[in-house]
Amino acid sequence: MSLSRFFILCVLYQQPLHGYEITKRVGAITNGCCAPTEGSLYPVLKEFTEAGLVSVVTQVVSGRERKVYTLTALGKEAYKVASAAWGDVAVYILKAIERNKRGQP
């Protein structure tokens, strides 16, 4: 799973959100480095919905429709698996950075 997809699952694991809020939250937790664009977010959400990772409900707020995305049980499990995998990878990334700082191969 790509890092950008992981962060989308990450913010949805915390609570159901609409698309714009997903973008804002991912941007906030990654200091802007991994915030999805509208053009990249919605295809991922469609993919997650089709895979059964996310359910979607349309709400009307102030006369406007918006879709709110919620992780399903399968989506929560996917997040946990991805979280463990990225946690493992992060350890090795940090080790590689430290070796390079010290000039070690």
PDB file of N, CA and C in Angstrom:
ATOM      1  N   MET A   1       0.842  -1.174   0.000  1.00  0.00           N
ATOM      2  CA  MET A   1       0.000   0.000   0.000  1.00  0.00           C
ATOM      3  C   MET A   1       0.891   1.243   0.000  1.00  0.00           C
ATOM      4  N   SER A   2       0.543   2.194  -0.844  1.00  0.00           N
ATOM      5  CA  SER A   2       1.344   3.421  -0.928  1.00  0.00           C
ATOM      6  C   SER A   2       1.181   4.245   0.347  1.00  0.00           C
ATOM      7  N   LEU A   3       2.128   5.111   0.566  1.00  0.00           N
ATOM      8  CA  LEU A   3       2.099   5.958   1.750  1.00  0.00           C
ATOM      9  C   LEU A   3       0.887   6.888   1.734  1.00  0.00           C
ATOM     10  N   SER A   4       0.544   7.418   0.578  1.00  0.00           N
ATOM     11  CA  SER A   4      -0.613   8.318   0.508  1.00  0.00           C
ATOM     12  C   SER A   4      -1.908   7.574   0.839  1.00  0.00           C
ATOM     13  N   ARG A   5      -2.048   6.350   0.367  1.00  0.00           N
ATOM     14  CA  ARG A   5      -3.228   5.547   0.698  1.00  0.00           C
ATOM     15  C   ARG A   5      -3.260   5.239   2.197  1.00  0.00           C
ATOM     16  N   PHE A   6      -2.080   4.945   2.749  1.00  0.00           N
ATOM     17  CA  PHE A   6      -1.996   4.670   4.181  1.00  0.00           C
ATOM     18  C   PHE A   6      -2.513   5.861   4.988  1.00  0.00           C
ATOM     19  N   PHE A   7      -2.096   7.075   4.626  1.00  0.00           N
ATOM     20  CA  PHE A   7      -2.525   8.242   5.389  1.00  0.00           C
ATOM     21  C   PHE A   7      -4.024   8.500   5.255  1.00  0.00           C
ATOM     22  N   ILE A   8      -4.614   8.164   4.129  1.00  0.00           N
ATOM     23  CA  ILE A   8      -6.068   8.290   3.982  1.00  0.00           C
ATOM     24  C   ILE A   8      -6.759   7.327   4.941  1.00  0.00           C
ATOM     25  N   LEU A   9      -6.292   6.078   4.984  1.00  0.00           N
ATOM     26  CA  LEU A   9      -6.856   5.124   5.942  1.00  0.00           C
ATOM     27  C   LEU A   9      -6.642   5.607   7.373  1.00  0.00           C
ATOM     28  N   CYS A  10      -5.480   6.175   7.626  1.00  0.00           N
ATOM     29  CA  CYS A  10      -5.123   6.637   8.966  1.00  0.00           C
ATOM     30  C   CYS A  10      -6.127   7.665   9.497  1.00  0.00           C
ATOM     31  N   VAL A  11      -6.457   8.660   8.700  1.00  0.00           N
ATOM     32  CA  VAL A  11      -7.389   9.684   9.184  1.00  0.00           C
ATOM     33  C   VAL A  11      -8.812   9.146   9.265  1.00  0.00           C
ATOM     34  N   LEU A  12      -9.163   8.219   8.378  1.00  0.00           N
ATOM     35  CA  LEU A  12     -10.497   7.616   8.454  1.00  0.00           C
ATOM     36  C   LEU A  12     -10.607   6.647   9.622  1.00  0.00           C
ATOM     37  N   TYR A  13      -9.491   6.099  10.065  1.00  0.00           N
ATOM     38  CA  TYR A  13      -9.490   5.216  11.234  1.00  0.00           C
ATOM     39  C   TYR A  13      -9.909   6.003  12.479  1.00  0.00           C
ATOM     40  N   GLN A  14      -9.606   7.288  12.498  1.00  0.00           N
ATOM     41  CA  GLN A  14      -9.934   8.136  13.643  1.00  0.00           C
ATOM     42  C   GLN A  14     -11.418   8.492  13.682  1.00  0.00           C
ATOM     43  N   GLN A  15     -11.998   8.764  12.499  1.00  0.00           N
ATOM     44  CA  GLN A  15     -13.414   9.125  12.439  1.00  0.00           C
ATOM     45  C   GLN A  15     -13.862   9.240  10.985  1.00  0.00           C
ATOM     46  N   PRO A  16     -15.184   9.140  10.741  1.00  0.00           N
ATOM     47  CA  PRO A  16     -15.708   9.355   9.392  1.00  0.00           C
ATOM     48  C   PRO A  16     -15.471  10.802   8.963  1.00  0.00           C
ATOM     49  N   LEU A  17     -15.160  10.983   7.682  1.00  0.00           N
ATOM     50  CA  LEU A  17     -14.852  12.319   7.166  1.00  0.00           C
ATOM     51  C   LEU A  17     -15.345  12.469   5.735  1.00  0.00           C
ATOM     52  N   HIS A  18     -15.585  13.710   5.337  1.00  0.00           N
ATOM     53  CA  HIS A  18     -15.873  13.995   3.927  1.00  0.00           C
ATOM     54  C   HIS A  18     -14.551  14.296   3.233  1.00  0.00           C
ATOM     55  N   GLY A  19     -14.570  14.321   1.913  1.00  0.00           N
ATOM     56  CA  GLY A  19     -13.343  14.407   1.127  1.00  0.00           C
ATOM     57  C   GLY A  19     -12.436  15.571   1.454  1.00  0.00           C
ATOM     58  N   TYR A  20     -13.008  16.775   1.546  1.00  0.00           N
ATOM     59  CA  TYR A  20     -12.174  17.946   1.823  1.00  0.00           C
ATOM     60  C   TYR A  20     -11.494  17.814   3.184  1.00  0.00           C
ATOM     61  N   GLU A  21     -12.216  17.283   4.161  1.00  0.00           N
ATOM     62  CA  GLU A  21     -11.655  17.114   5.502  1.00  0.00           C
ATOM     63  C   GLU A  21     -10.557  16.051   5.500  1.00  0.00           C
ATOM     64  N   ILE A  22     -10.698  15.022   4.683  1.00  0.00           N
ATOM     65  CA  ILE A  22      -9.637  14.012   4.555  1.00  0.00           C
ATOM     66  C   ILE A  22      -8.356  14.687   4.075  1.00  0.00           C
ATOM     67  N   THR A  23      -8.476  15.501   3.032  1.00  0.00           N
ATOM     68  CA  THR A  23      -7.312  16.209   2.496  1.00  0.00           C
ATOM     69  C   THR A  23      -6.676  17.102   3.555  1.00  0.00           C
ATOM     70  N   LYS A  24      -7.484  17.858   4.292  1.00  0.00           N
ATOM     71  CA  LYS A  24      -6.964  18.746   5.332  1.00  0.00           C
ATOM     72  C   LYS A  24      -6.258  17.956   6.432  1.00  0.00           C
ATOM     73  N   ARG A  25      -6.862  16.869   6.872  1.00  0.00           N
ATOM     74  CA  ARG A  25      -6.277  16.095   7.981  1.00  0.00           C
ATOM     75  C   ARG A  25      -4.983  15.408   7.566  1.00  0.00           C
ATOM     76  N   VAL A  26      -4.963  14.833   6.366  1.00  0.00           N
ATOM     77  CA  VAL A  26      -3.719  14.209   5.898  1.00  0.00           C
ATOM     78  C   VAL A  26      -2.635  15.276   5.783  1.00  0.00           C
ATOM     79  N   GLY A  27      -2.987  16.424   5.255  1.00  0.00           N
ATOM     80  CA  GLY A  27      -2.022  17.519   5.168  1.00  0.00           C
ATOM     81  C   GLY A  27      -1.496  17.926   6.533  1.00  0.00           C
ATOM     82  N   ALA A  28      -2.377  17.959   7.517  1.00  0.00           N
ATOM     83  CA  ALA A  28      -1.975  18.371   8.865  1.00  0.00           C
ATOM     84  C   ALA A  28      -1.029  17.360   9.512  1.00  0.00           C
ATOM     85  N   ILE A  29      -1.336  16.072   9.391  1.00  0.00           N
ATOM     86  CA  ILE A  29      -0.489  15.080  10.075  1.00  0.00           C
ATOM     87  C   ILE A  29       0.813  14.812   9.340  1.00  0.00           C
ATOM     88  N   THR A  30       0.890  15.228   8.077  1.00  0.00           N
ATOM     89  CA  THR A  30       2.127  15.012   7.311  1.00  0.00           C
ATOM     90  C   THR A  30       2.848  16.325   7.021  1.00  0.00           C
ATOM     91  N   ASN A  31       2.407  17.387   7.654  1.00  0.00           N
ATOM     92  CA  ASN A  31       2.985  18.709   7.420  1.00  0.00           C
ATOM     93  C   ASN A  31       2.949  19.077   5.933  1.00  0.00           C
ATOM     94  N   GLY A  32       1.897  18.623   5.253  1.00  0.00           N
ATOM     95  CA  GLY A  32       1.686  18.963   3.856  1.00  0.00           C
ATOM     96  C   GLY A  32       2.372  18.074   2.837  1.00  0.00           C
ATOM     97  N   CYS A  33       3.233  17.180   3.283  1.00  0.00           N
ATOM     98  CA  CYS A  33       4.012  16.409   2.304  1.00  0.00           C
ATOM     99  C   CYS A  33       3.191  15.346   1.579  1.00  0.00           C
ATOM    100  N   CYS A  34       2.124  14.863   2.180  1.00  0.00           N
ATOM    101  CA  CYS A  34       1.374  13.760   1.563  1.00  0.00           C
ATOM    102  C   CYS A  34      -0.105  14.073   1.383  1.00  0.00           C
ATOM    103  N   ALA A  35      -0.480  15.338   1.435  1.00  0.00           N
ATOM    104  CA  ALA A  35      -1.887  15.691   1.276  1.00  0.00           C
ATOM    105  C   ALA A  35      -2.337  15.362  -0.141  1.00  0.00           C
ATOM    106  N   PRO A  36      -3.394  14.565  -0.275  1.00  0.00           N
ATOM    107  CA  PRO A  36      -3.853  14.222  -1.620  1.00  0.00           C
ATOM    108  C   PRO A  36      -4.548  15.409  -2.279  1.00  0.00           C
ATOM    109  N   THR A  37      -4.454  15.467  -3.577  1.00  0.00           N
ATOM    110  CA  THR A  37      -5.212  16.461  -4.338  1.00  0.00           C
ATOM    111  C   THR A  37      -6.601  15.892  -4.577  1.00  0.00           C
ATOM    112  N   GLU A  38      -7.515  16.740  -4.982  1.00  0.00           N
ATOM    113  CA  GLU A  38      -8.855  16.272  -5.300  1.00  0.00           C
ATOM    114  C   GLU A  38      -8.798  15.213  -6.400  1.00  0.00           C
ATOM    115  N   GLY A  39      -7.911  15.426  -7.362  1.00  0.00           N
ATOM    116  CA  GLY A  39      -7.774  14.494  -8.482  1.00  0.00           C
ATOM    117  C   GLY A  39      -7.219  13.140  -8.095  1.00  0.00           C
ATOM    118  N   SER A  40      -6.489  13.086  -6.989  1.00  0.00           N
ATOM    119  CA  SER A  40      -5.955  11.793  -6.551  1.00  0.00           C
ATOM    120  C   SER A  40      -6.790  11.172  -5.439  1.00  0.00           C
ATOM    121  N   LEU A  41      -7.456  11.990  -4.628  1.00  0.00           N
ATOM    122  CA  LEU A  41      -8.218  11.469  -3.491  1.00  0.00           C
ATOM    123  C   LEU A  41      -9.425  10.650  -3.918  1.00  0.00           C
ATOM    124  N   TYR A  42     -10.245  11.202  -4.790  1.00  0.00           N
ATOM    125  CA  TYR A  42     -11.517  10.548  -5.101  1.00  0.00           C
ATOM    126  C   TYR A  42     -11.363   9.214  -5.825  1.00  0.00           C
ATOM    127  N   PRO A  43     -10.400   9.042  -6.712  1.00  0.00           N
ATOM    128  CA  PRO A  43     -10.189   7.696  -7.266  1.00  0.00           C
ATOM    129  C   PRO A  43      -9.778   6.677  -6.190  1.00  0.00           C
ATOM    130  N   VAL A  44      -8.987   7.112  -5.206  1.00  0.00           N
ATOM    131  CA  VAL A  44      -8.593   6.205  -4.119  1.00  0.00           C
ATOM    132  C   VAL A  44      -9.811   5.855  -3.272  1.00  0.00           C
ATOM    133  N   LEU A  45     -10.642   6.849  -2.960  1.00  0.00           N
ATOM    134  CA  LEU A  45     -11.845   6.575  -2.177  1.00  0.00           C
ATOM    135  C   LEU A  45     -12.791   5.641  -2.931  1.00  0.00           C
ATOM    136  N   LYS A  46     -12.886   5.813  -4.239  1.00  0.00           N
ATOM    137  CA  LYS A  46     -13.718   4.906  -5.048  1.00  0.00           C
ATOM    138  C   LYS A  46     -13.147   3.493  -4.995  1.00  0.00           C
ATOM    139  N   GLU A  47     -11.833   3.380  -5.120  1.00  0.00           N
ATOM    140  CA  GLU A  47     -11.167   2.081  -5.045  1.00  0.00           C
ATOM    141  C   GLU A  47     -11.404   1.434  -3.676  1.00  0.00           C
ATOM    142  N   PHE A  48     -11.255   2.210  -2.608  1.00  0.00           N
ATOM    143  CA  PHE A  48     -11.486   1.697  -1.254  1.00  0.00           C
ATOM    144  C   PHE A  48     -12.934   1.256  -1.075  1.00  0.00           C
ATOM    145  N   THR A  49     -13.868   2.023  -1.638  1.00  0.00           N
ATOM    146  CA  THR A  49     -15.287   1.680  -1.533  1.00  0.00           C
ATOM    147  C   THR A  49     -15.574   0.374  -2.270  1.00  0.00           C
ATOM    148  N   GLU A  50     -15.060   0.251  -3.483  1.00  0.00           N
ATOM    149  CA  GLU A  50     -15.272  -0.969  -4.272  1.00  0.00           C
ATOM    150  C   GLU A  50     -14.635  -2.188  -3.621  1.00  0.00           C
ATOM    151  N   ALA A  51     -13.541  -1.989  -2.888  1.00  0.00           N
ATOM    152  CA  ALA A  51     -12.857  -3.089  -2.208  1.00  0.00           C
ATOM    153  C   ALA A  51     -13.502  -3.421  -0.861  1.00  0.00           C
ATOM    154  N   GLY A  52     -14.493  -2.641  -0.459  1.00  0.00           N
ATOM    155  CA  GLY A  52     -15.166  -2.893   0.811  1.00  0.00           C
ATOM    156  C   GLY A  52     -14.425  -2.354   2.026  1.00  0.00           C
ATOM    157  N   LEU A  53     -13.444  -1.488   1.795  1.00  0.00           N
ATOM    158  CA  LEU A  53     -12.680  -0.915   2.913  1.00  0.00           C
ATOM    159  C   LEU A  53     -13.385   0.303   3.510  1.00  0.00           C
ATOM    160  N   VAL A  54     -14.205   0.948   2.693  1.00  0.00           N
ATOM    161  CA  VAL A  54     -14.867   2.190   3.090  1.00  0.00           C
ATOM    162  C   VAL A  54     -16.331   2.115   2.683  1.00  0.00           C
ATOM    163  N   SER A  55     -17.197   2.632   3.546  1.00  0.00           N
ATOM    164  CA  SER A  55     -18.592   2.830   3.157  1.00  0.00           C
ATOM    165  C   SER A  55     -18.805   4.327   3.001  1.00  0.00           C
ATOM    166  N   VAL A  56     -19.789   4.689   2.215  1.00  0.00           N
ATOM    167  CA  VAL A  56     -20.035   6.112   1.942  1.00  0.00           C
ATOM    168  C   VAL A  56     -21.516   6.411   2.135  1.00  0.00           C
ATOM    169  N   VAL A  57     -21.782   7.538   2.784  1.00  0.00           N
ATOM    170  CA  VAL A  57     -23.145   8.005   3.007  1.00  0.00           C
ATOM    171  C   VAL A  57     -23.212   9.446   2.520  1.00  0.00           C
ATOM    172  N   THR A  58     -24.263   9.765   1.782  1.00  0.00           N
ATOM    173  CA  THR A  58     -24.448  11.138   1.318  1.00  0.00           C
ATOM    174  C   THR A  58     -25.280  11.891   2.345  1.00  0.00           C
ATOM    175  N   GLN A  59     -24.754  13.025   2.792  1.00  0.00           N
ATOM    176  CA  GLN A  59     -25.456  13.888   3.740  1.00  0.00           C
ATOM    177  C   GLN A  59     -25.749  15.216   3.063  1.00  0.00           C
ATOM    178  N   VAL A  60     -26.812  15.868   3.510  1.00  0.00           N
ATOM    179  CA  VAL A  60     -27.128  17.208   3.026  1.00  0.00           C
ATOM    180  C   VAL A  60     -26.825  18.180   4.164  1.00  0.00           C
ATOM    181  N   VAL A  61     -25.898  19.092   3.900  1.00  0.00           N
ATOM    182  CA  VAL A  61     -25.497  20.094   4.889  1.00  0.00           C
ATOM    183  C   VAL A  61     -25.652  21.467   4.247  1.00  0.00           C
ATOM    184  N   SER A  62     -26.460  22.302   4.860  1.00  0.00           N
ATOM    185  CA  SER A  62     -26.727  23.654   4.337  1.00  0.00           C
ATOM    186  C   SER A  62     -27.179  23.600   2.883  1.00  0.00           C
ATOM    187  N   GLY A  63     -28.012  22.616   2.562  1.00  0.00           N
ATOM    188  CA  GLY A  63     -28.546  22.486   1.216  1.00  0.00           C
ATOM    189  C   GLY A  63     -27.604  21.866   0.203  1.00  0.00           C
ATOM    190  N   ARG A  64     -26.407  21.484   0.650  1.00  0.00           N
ATOM    191  CA  ARG A  64     -25.425  20.885  -0.268  1.00  0.00           C
ATOM    192  C   ARG A  64     -25.187  19.437   0.126  1.00  0.00           C
ATOM    193  N   GLU A  65     -25.062  18.610  -0.892  1.00  0.00           N
ATOM    194  CA  GLU A  65     -24.743  17.205  -0.637  1.00  0.00           C
ATOM    195  C   GLU A  65     -23.243  17.027  -0.465  1.00  0.00           C
ATOM    196  N   ARG A  66     -22.874  16.154   0.467  1.00  0.00           N
ATOM    197  CA  ARG A  66     -21.473  15.766   0.588  1.00  0.00           C
ATOM    198  C   ARG A  66     -21.431  14.313   1.022  1.00  0.00           C
ATOM    199  N   LYS A  67     -20.397  13.642   0.561  1.00  0.00           N
ATOM    200  CA  LYS A  67     -20.226  12.235   0.883  1.00  0.00           C
ATOM    201  C   LYS A  67     -19.314  12.111   2.094  1.00  0.00           C
ATOM    202  N   VAL A  68     -19.750  11.307   3.047  1.00  0.00           N
ATOM    203  CA  VAL A  68     -18.961  11.056   4.248  1.00  0.00           C
ATOM    204  C   VAL A  68     -18.487   9.609   4.180  1.00  0.00           C
ATOM    205  N   TYR A  69     -17.186   9.434   4.353  1.00  0.00           N
ATOM    206  CA  TYR A  69     -16.544   8.130   4.218  1.00  0.00           C
ATOM    207  C   TYR A  69     -16.217   7.570   5.598  1.00  0.00           C
ATOM    208  N   THR A  70     -16.530   6.282   5.779  1.00  0.00           N
ATOM    209  CA  THR A  70     -16.306   5.591   7.049  1.00  0.00           C
ATOM    210  C   THR A  70     -15.581   4.286   6.770  1.00  0.00           C
ATOM    211  N   LEU A  71     -14.566   3.979   7.576  1.00  0.00           N
ATOM    212  CA  LEU A  71     -13.900   2.684   7.424  1.00  0.00           C
ATOM    213  C   LEU A  71     -14.841   1.574   7.855  1.00  0.00           C
ATOM    214  N   THR A  72     -14.882   0.519   7.082  1.00  0.00           N
ATOM    215  CA  THR A  72     -15.608  -0.685   7.462  1.00  0.00           C
ATOM    216  C   THR A  72     -14.693  -1.524   8.361  1.00  0.00           C
ATOM    217  N   ALA A  73     -15.206  -2.647   8.850  1.00  0.00           N
ATOM    218  CA  ALA A  73     -14.365  -3.554   9.644  1.00  0.00           C
ATOM    219  C   ALA A  73     -13.169  -4.014   8.813  1.00  0.00           C
ATOM    220  N   LEU A  74     -13.405  -4.295   7.537  1.00  0.00           N
ATOM    221  CA  LEU A  74     -12.318  -4.698   6.637  1.00  0.00           C
ATOM    222  C   LEU A  74     -11.312  -3.554   6.461  1.00  0.00           C
ATOM    223  N   GLY A  75     -11.794  -2.334   6.374  1.00  0.00           N
ATOM    224  CA  GLY A  75     -10.924  -1.172   6.255  1.00  0.00           C
ATOM    225  C   GLY A  75     -10.090  -0.954   7.500  1.00  0.00           C
ATOM    226  N   LYS A  76     -10.683  -1.180   8.669  1.00  0.00           N
ATOM    227  CA  LYS A  76      -9.934  -1.049   9.923  1.00  0.00           C
ATOM    228  C   LYS A  76      -8.832  -2.093   9.994  1.00  0.00           C
ATOM    229  N   GLU A  77      -9.139  -3.290   9.537  1.00  0.00           N
ATOM    230  CA  GLU A  77      -8.117  -4.347   9.519  1.00  0.00           C
ATOM    231  C   GLU A  77      -7.011  -3.998   8.523  1.00  0.00           C
ATOM    232  N   ALA A  78      -7.392  -3.469   7.361  1.00  0.00           N
ATOM    233  CA  ALA A  78      -6.390  -3.057   6.364  1.00  0.00           C
ATOM    234  C   ALA A  78      -5.487  -1.972   6.938  1.00  0.00           C
ATOM    235  N   TYR A  79      -6.077  -1.044   7.691  1.00  0.00           N
ATOM    236  CA  TYR A  79      -5.270   0.001   8.325  1.00  0.00           C
ATOM    237  C   TYR A  79      -4.275  -0.612   9.306  1.00  0.00           C
ATOM    238  N   LYS A  80      -4.725  -1.548  10.120  1.00  0.00           N
ATOM    239  CA  LYS A  80      -3.839  -2.167  11.117  1.00  0.00           C
ATOM    240  C   LYS A  80      -2.683  -2.908  10.448  1.00  0.00           C
ATOM    241  N   VAL A  81      -2.973  -3.624   9.372  1.00  0.00           N
ATOM    242  CA  VAL A  81      -1.928  -4.347   8.636  1.00  0.00           C
ATOM    243  C   VAL A  81      -0.949  -3.352   8.014  1.00  0.00           C
ATOM    244  N   ALA A  82      -1.488  -2.318   7.368  1.00  0.00           N
ATOM    245  CA  ALA A  82      -0.626  -1.308   6.738  1.00  0.00           C
ATOM    246  C   ALA A  82       0.186  -0.554   7.784  1.00  0.00           C
ATOM    247  N   SER A  83      -0.417  -0.287   8.925  1.00  0.00           N
ATOM    248  CA  SER A  83       0.275   0.420  10.000  1.00  0.00           C
ATOM    249  C   SER A  83       1.473  -0.385  10.493  1.00  0.00           C
ATOM    250  N   ALA A  84       1.284  -1.678  10.667  1.00  0.00           N
ATOM    251  CA  ALA A  84       2.395  -2.536  11.099  1.00  0.00           C
ATOM    252  C   ALA A  84       3.490  -2.568  10.038  1.00  0.00           C
ATOM    253  N   ALA A  85       3.097  -2.700   8.784  1.00  0.00           N
ATOM    254  CA  ALA A  85       4.079  -2.763   7.693  1.00  0.00           C
ATOM    255  C   ALA A  85       4.858  -1.453   7.581  1.00  0.00           C
ATOM    256  N   TRP A  86       4.161  -0.317   7.603  1.00  0.00           N
ATOM    257  CA  TRP A  86       4.849   0.973   7.506  1.00  0.00           C
ATOM    258  C   TRP A  86       5.680   1.244   8.753  1.00  0.00           C
ATOM    259  N   GLY A  87       5.234   0.750   9.904  1.00  0.00           N
ATOM    260  CA  GLY A  87       6.039   0.885  11.117  1.00  0.00           C
ATOM    261  C   GLY A  87       7.366   0.169  10.981  1.00  0.00           C
ATOM    262  N   ASP A  88       7.330  -1.031  10.401  1.00  0.00           N
ATOM    263  CA  ASP A  88       8.565  -1.790  10.161  1.00  0.00           C
ATOM    264  C   ASP A  88       9.470  -1.058   9.174  1.00  0.00           C
ATOM    265  N   VAL A  89       8.893  -0.568   8.093  1.00  0.00           N
ATOM    266  CA  VAL A  89       9.665   0.137   7.071  1.00  0.00           C
ATOM    267  C   VAL A  89      10.292   1.404   7.650  1.00  0.00           C
ATOM    268  N   ALA A  90       9.545   2.119   8.476  1.00  0.00           N
ATOM    269  CA  ALA A  90      10.049   3.370   9.055  1.00  0.00           C
ATOM    270  C   ALA A  90      11.324   3.143   9.857  1.00  0.00           C
ATOM    271  N   VAL A  91      11.390   2.033  10.572  1.00  0.00           N
ATOM    272  CA  VAL A  91      12.590   1.711  11.352  1.00  0.00           C
ATOM    273  C   VAL A  91      13.803   1.613  10.435  1.00  0.00           C
ATOM    274  N   TYR A  92      13.646   0.924   9.312  1.00  0.00           N
ATOM    275  CA  TYR A  92      14.765   0.742   8.382  1.00  0.00           C
ATOM    276  C   TYR A  92      15.129   2.038   7.658  1.00  0.00           C
ATOM    277  N   ILE A  93      14.139   2.849   7.372  1.00  0.00           N
ATOM    278  CA  ILE A  93      14.416   4.147   6.752  1.00  0.00           C
ATOM    279  C   ILE A  93      15.257   5.001   7.698  1.00  0.00           C
ATOM    280  N   LEU A  94      14.856   5.059   8.956  1.00  0.00           N
ATOM    281  CA  LEU A  94      15.611   5.854   9.933  1.00  0.00           C
ATOM    282  C   LEU A  94      17.025   5.323  10.123  1.00  0.00           C
ATOM    283  N   LYS A  95      17.171   3.999  10.133  1.00  0.00           N
ATOM    284  CA  LYS A  95      18.511   3.409  10.255  1.00  0.00           C
ATOM    285  C   LYS A  95      19.377   3.789   9.056  1.00  0.00           C
ATOM    286  N   ALA A  96      18.817   3.733   7.861  1.00  0.00           N
ATOM    287  CA  ALA A  96      19.571   4.083   6.651  1.00  0.00           C
ATOM    288  C   ALA A  96      19.985   5.554   6.679  1.00  0.00           C
ATOM    289  N   ILE A  97      19.100   6.415   7.114  1.00  0.00           N
ATOM    290  CA  ILE A  97      19.421   7.841   7.204  1.00  0.00           C
ATOM    291  C   ILE A  97      20.555   8.058   8.200  1.00  0.00           C
ATOM    292  N   GLU A  98      20.480   7.401   9.337  1.00  0.00           N
ATOM    293  CA  GLU A  98      21.536   7.552  10.353  1.00  0.00           C
ATOM    294  C   GLU A  98      22.880   7.031   9.846  1.00  0.00           C
ATOM    295  N   ARG A  99      22.871   5.892   9.144  1.00  0.00           N
ATOM    296  CA  ARG A  99      24.124   5.359   8.576  1.00  0.00           C
ATOM    297  C   ARG A  99      24.730   6.353   7.594  1.00  0.00           C
ATOM    298  N   ASN A 100      23.892   6.938   6.760  1.00  0.00           N
ATOM    299  CA  ASN A 100      24.386   7.914   5.784  1.00  0.00           C
ATOM    300  C   ASN A 100      24.929   9.168   6.467  1.00  0.00           C
ATOM    301  N   LYS A 101      24.301   9.586   7.538  1.00  0.00           N
ATOM    302  CA  LYS A 101      24.804  10.751   8.277  1.00  0.00           C
ATOM    303  C   LYS A 101      26.192  10.484   8.844  1.00  0.00           C
ATOM    304  N   ARG A 102      26.411   9.233   9.251  1.00  0.00           N
ATOM    305  CA  ARG A 102      27.710   8.864   9.822  1.00  0.00           C
ATOM    306  C   ARG A 102      28.701   8.441   8.742  1.00  0.00           C
ATOM    307  N   GLY A 103      28.267   8.411   7.484  1.00  0.00           N
ATOM    308  CA  GLY A 103      29.148   8.020   6.383  1.00  0.00           C
ATOM    309  C   GLY A 103      29.402   6.531   6.302  1.00  0.00           C
ATOM    310  N   GLN A 104      28.497   5.740   6.882  1.00  0.00           N
ATOM    311  CA  GLN A 104      28.641   4.281   6.837  1.00  0.00           C
ATOM    312  C   GLN A 104      27.857   3.721   5.660  1.00  0.00           C
ATOM    313  N   PRO A 105      28.346   2.611   5.101  1.00  0.00           N
ATOM    314  CA  PRO A 105      27.606   1.981   3.992  1.00  0.00           C
ATOM    315  C   PRO A 105      26.351   1.277   4.482  1.00  0.00           C
TER     316      PRO A 105
END
